C-alpha atoms as a PDB file:
ATOM      1  CA  GLU A   1     154.936 -11.108 134.752  1.00  0.00           C
ATOM      2  CA  PRO A   2     155.686 -14.618 135.989  1.00  0.00           C
ATOM      3  CA  LEU A   3     158.407 -16.328 133.982  1.00  0.00           C
ATOM      4  CA  HIS A   4     158.841 -19.770 135.536  1.00  0.00           C
ATOM      5  CA  PRO A   5     156.390 -22.362 134.142  1.00  0.00           C
ATOM      6  CA  TYR A   6     155.357 -23.364 137.686  1.00  0.00           C
ATOM      7  CA  THR A   7     154.460 -19.782 138.610  1.00  0.00           C
ATOM      8  CA  GLN A   8     152.606 -19.369 135.316  1.00  0.00           C
ATOM      9  CA  GLY A   9     150.625 -22.537 136.105  1.00  0.00           C
ATOM     10  CA  LEU A  10     149.777 -21.262 139.585  1.00  0.00           C
ATOM     11  CA  MET A  11     148.522 -17.985 138.130  1.00  0.00           C
ATOM     12  CA  ARG A  12     146.337 -19.834 135.591  1.00  0.00           C
ATOM     13  CA  SER A  13     144.812 -21.922 138.380  1.00  0.00           C
ATOM     14  CA  ILE A  14     143.366 -18.935 140.274  1.00  0.00           C
ATOM     15  CA  PRO A  15     139.584 -18.705 139.852  1.00  0.00           C
ATOM     16  CA  GLN A  16     138.460 -15.524 138.111  1.00  0.00           C
ATOM     17  CA  ILE A  17     134.956 -14.578 139.277  1.00  0.00           C
ATOM     18  CA  HIS A  18     134.814 -11.453 137.115  1.00  0.00           C
ATOM     19  CA  GLU A  19     135.474 -13.274 133.827  1.00  0.00           C
ATOM     20  CA  LYS A  20     132.670 -13.829 131.372  1.00  0.00           C
ATOM     21  CA  HIS A  21     131.596 -17.487 131.609  1.00  0.00           C
ATOM     22  CA  SER A  22     133.568 -17.956 134.835  1.00  0.00           C
ATOM     23  CA  LYS A  23     131.152 -20.675 135.958  1.00  0.00           C
ATOM     24  CA  THR A  24     131.927 -22.808 132.907  1.00  0.00           C
ATOM     25  CA  ARG A  25     135.662 -22.107 132.726  1.00  0.00           C
ATOM     26  CA  THR A  26     137.816 -25.085 133.666  1.00  0.00           C
ATOM     27  CA  LEU A  27     140.615 -24.237 136.064  1.00  0.00           C
ATOM     28  CA  TRP A  28     144.166 -25.025 135.002  1.00  0.00           C
ATOM     29  CA  GLU A  29     145.633 -28.013 136.801  1.00  0.00           C
ATOM     30  CA  ILE A  30     149.326 -28.648 137.259  1.00  0.00           C
ATOM     31  CA  PRO A  31     149.780 -32.387 136.642  1.00  0.00           C
ATOM     32  CA  GLY A  32     151.558 -34.773 138.987  1.00  0.00           C
ATOM     33  CA  ASN A  33     152.477 -34.541 142.633  1.00  0.00           C
ATOM     34  CA  VAL A  34     154.512 -32.000 144.534  1.00  0.00           C
ATOM     35  CA  PRO A  35     157.908 -33.508 145.388  1.00  0.00           C
ATOM     36  CA  SER A  36     158.971 -33.998 148.985  1.00  0.00           C
ATOM     37  CA  LEU A  37     160.871 -30.971 150.270  1.00  0.00           C
ATOM     38  CA  ILE A  38     162.996 -33.381 152.305  1.00  0.00           C
ATOM     39  CA  ASP A  39     164.097 -35.344 149.233  1.00  0.00           C
ATOM     40  CA  LEU A  40     163.955 -33.008 146.229  1.00  0.00           C
ATOM     41  CA  PRO A  41     164.881 -34.483 142.844  1.00  0.00           C
ATOM     42  CA  PRO A  42     168.108 -33.299 141.214  1.00  0.00           C
ATOM     43  CA  GLY A  43     167.865 -30.305 138.922  1.00  0.00           C
ATOM     44  CA  CYS A  44     164.646 -28.326 138.725  1.00  0.00           C
ATOM     45  CA  PRO A  45     162.153 -29.623 141.311  1.00  0.00           C
ATOM     46  CA  PHE A  46     159.305 -28.840 138.888  1.00  0.00           C
ATOM     47  CA  ALA A  47     160.796 -30.700 135.889  1.00  0.00           C
ATOM     48  CA  ASP A  48     158.674 -33.859 136.249  1.00  0.00           C
ATOM     49  CA  ARG A  49     155.487 -31.770 136.134  1.00  0.00           C
ATOM     50  CA  CYS A  50     156.536 -29.175 133.536  1.00  0.00           C
ATOM     51  CA  ASP A  51     155.124 -29.167 130.012  1.00  0.00           C
ATOM     52  CA  ARG A  52     158.172 -27.196 128.827  1.00  0.00           C
ATOM     53  CA  ARG A  53     160.860 -29.435 130.333  1.00  0.00           C
ATOM     54  CA  MET A  54     163.988 -30.287 128.391  1.00  0.00           C
ATOM     55  CA  ALA A  55     166.910 -32.622 129.054  1.00  0.00           C
ATOM     56  CA  ARG A  56     168.806 -29.787 130.682  1.00  0.00           C
ATOM     57  CA  CYS A  57     166.252 -29.540 133.486  1.00  0.00           C
ATOM     58  CA  ALA A  58     168.020 -32.491 135.154  1.00  0.00           C
ATOM     59  CA  GLU A  59     170.744 -29.967 136.071  1.00  0.00           C
ATOM     60  CA  PRO A  60     170.133 -27.174 138.605  1.00  0.00           C
ATOM     61  CA  PRO A  61     169.331 -23.998 136.646  1.00  0.00           C
ATOM     62  CA  PRO A  62     171.113 -20.752 137.520  1.00  0.00           C
ATOM     63  CA  LEU A  63     169.330 -17.884 139.243  1.00  0.00           C
ATOM     64  CA  LEU A  64     169.108 -15.095 136.666  1.00  0.00           C
ATOM     65  CA  GLU A  65     168.041 -11.497 137.008  1.00  0.00           C
ATOM     66  CA  ILE A  66     165.957 -10.944 133.880  1.00  0.00           C
ATOM     67  CA  LYS A  67     165.340  -7.296 134.679  1.00  0.00           C
ATOM     68  CA  PRO A  68     165.910  -5.267 137.851  1.00  0.00           C
ATOM     69  CA  GLN A  69     164.454  -7.154 140.834  1.00  0.00           C
ATOM     70  CA  HIS A  70     162.872  -9.831 138.576  1.00  0.00           C
ATOM     71  CA  TRP A  71     164.613 -13.157 139.068  1.00  0.00           C
ATOM     72  CA  VAL A  72     163.962 -16.617 137.636  1.00  0.00           C
ATOM     73  CA  ARG A  73     165.644 -19.999 138.059  1.00  0.00           C
ATOM     74  CA  CYS A  74     164.754 -21.785 134.824  1.00  0.00           C
ATOM     75  CA  TRP A  75     166.719 -23.087 131.825  1.00  0.00           C
ATOM     76  CA  LEU A  76     164.223 -21.424 129.492  1.00  0.00           C
ATOM     77  CA  TYR A  77     166.005 -18.163 130.264  1.00  0.00           C
ATOM     78  CA  GLY A  78     169.494 -19.434 131.071  1.00  0.00           C
ATOM     79  CA  PRO A  79     172.618 -19.911 129.027  1.00  0.00           C
ATOM     80  CA  THR A  80     172.401 -22.507 126.279  1.00  0.00           C
ATOM     81  CA  ALA A  81     175.992 -23.727 126.515  1.00  0.00           C
END
């Protein structure tokens, strides 16, 4: 049950050979370029490539435990204050 939009995008980009019409299915592509790990942008490092980004993504999101042992660091699930 991936919650972060980046993880959801990665899961959608995995080829599925058992699906009906798998040869004609277009794989999901995450737009943009991966940021440098040496010089990460402020806030969420995925914000520039996220289709669900909001102004708040310029701030670092908190790490939240959504349910036992299931953590996410994304403003979609964080406090709205």
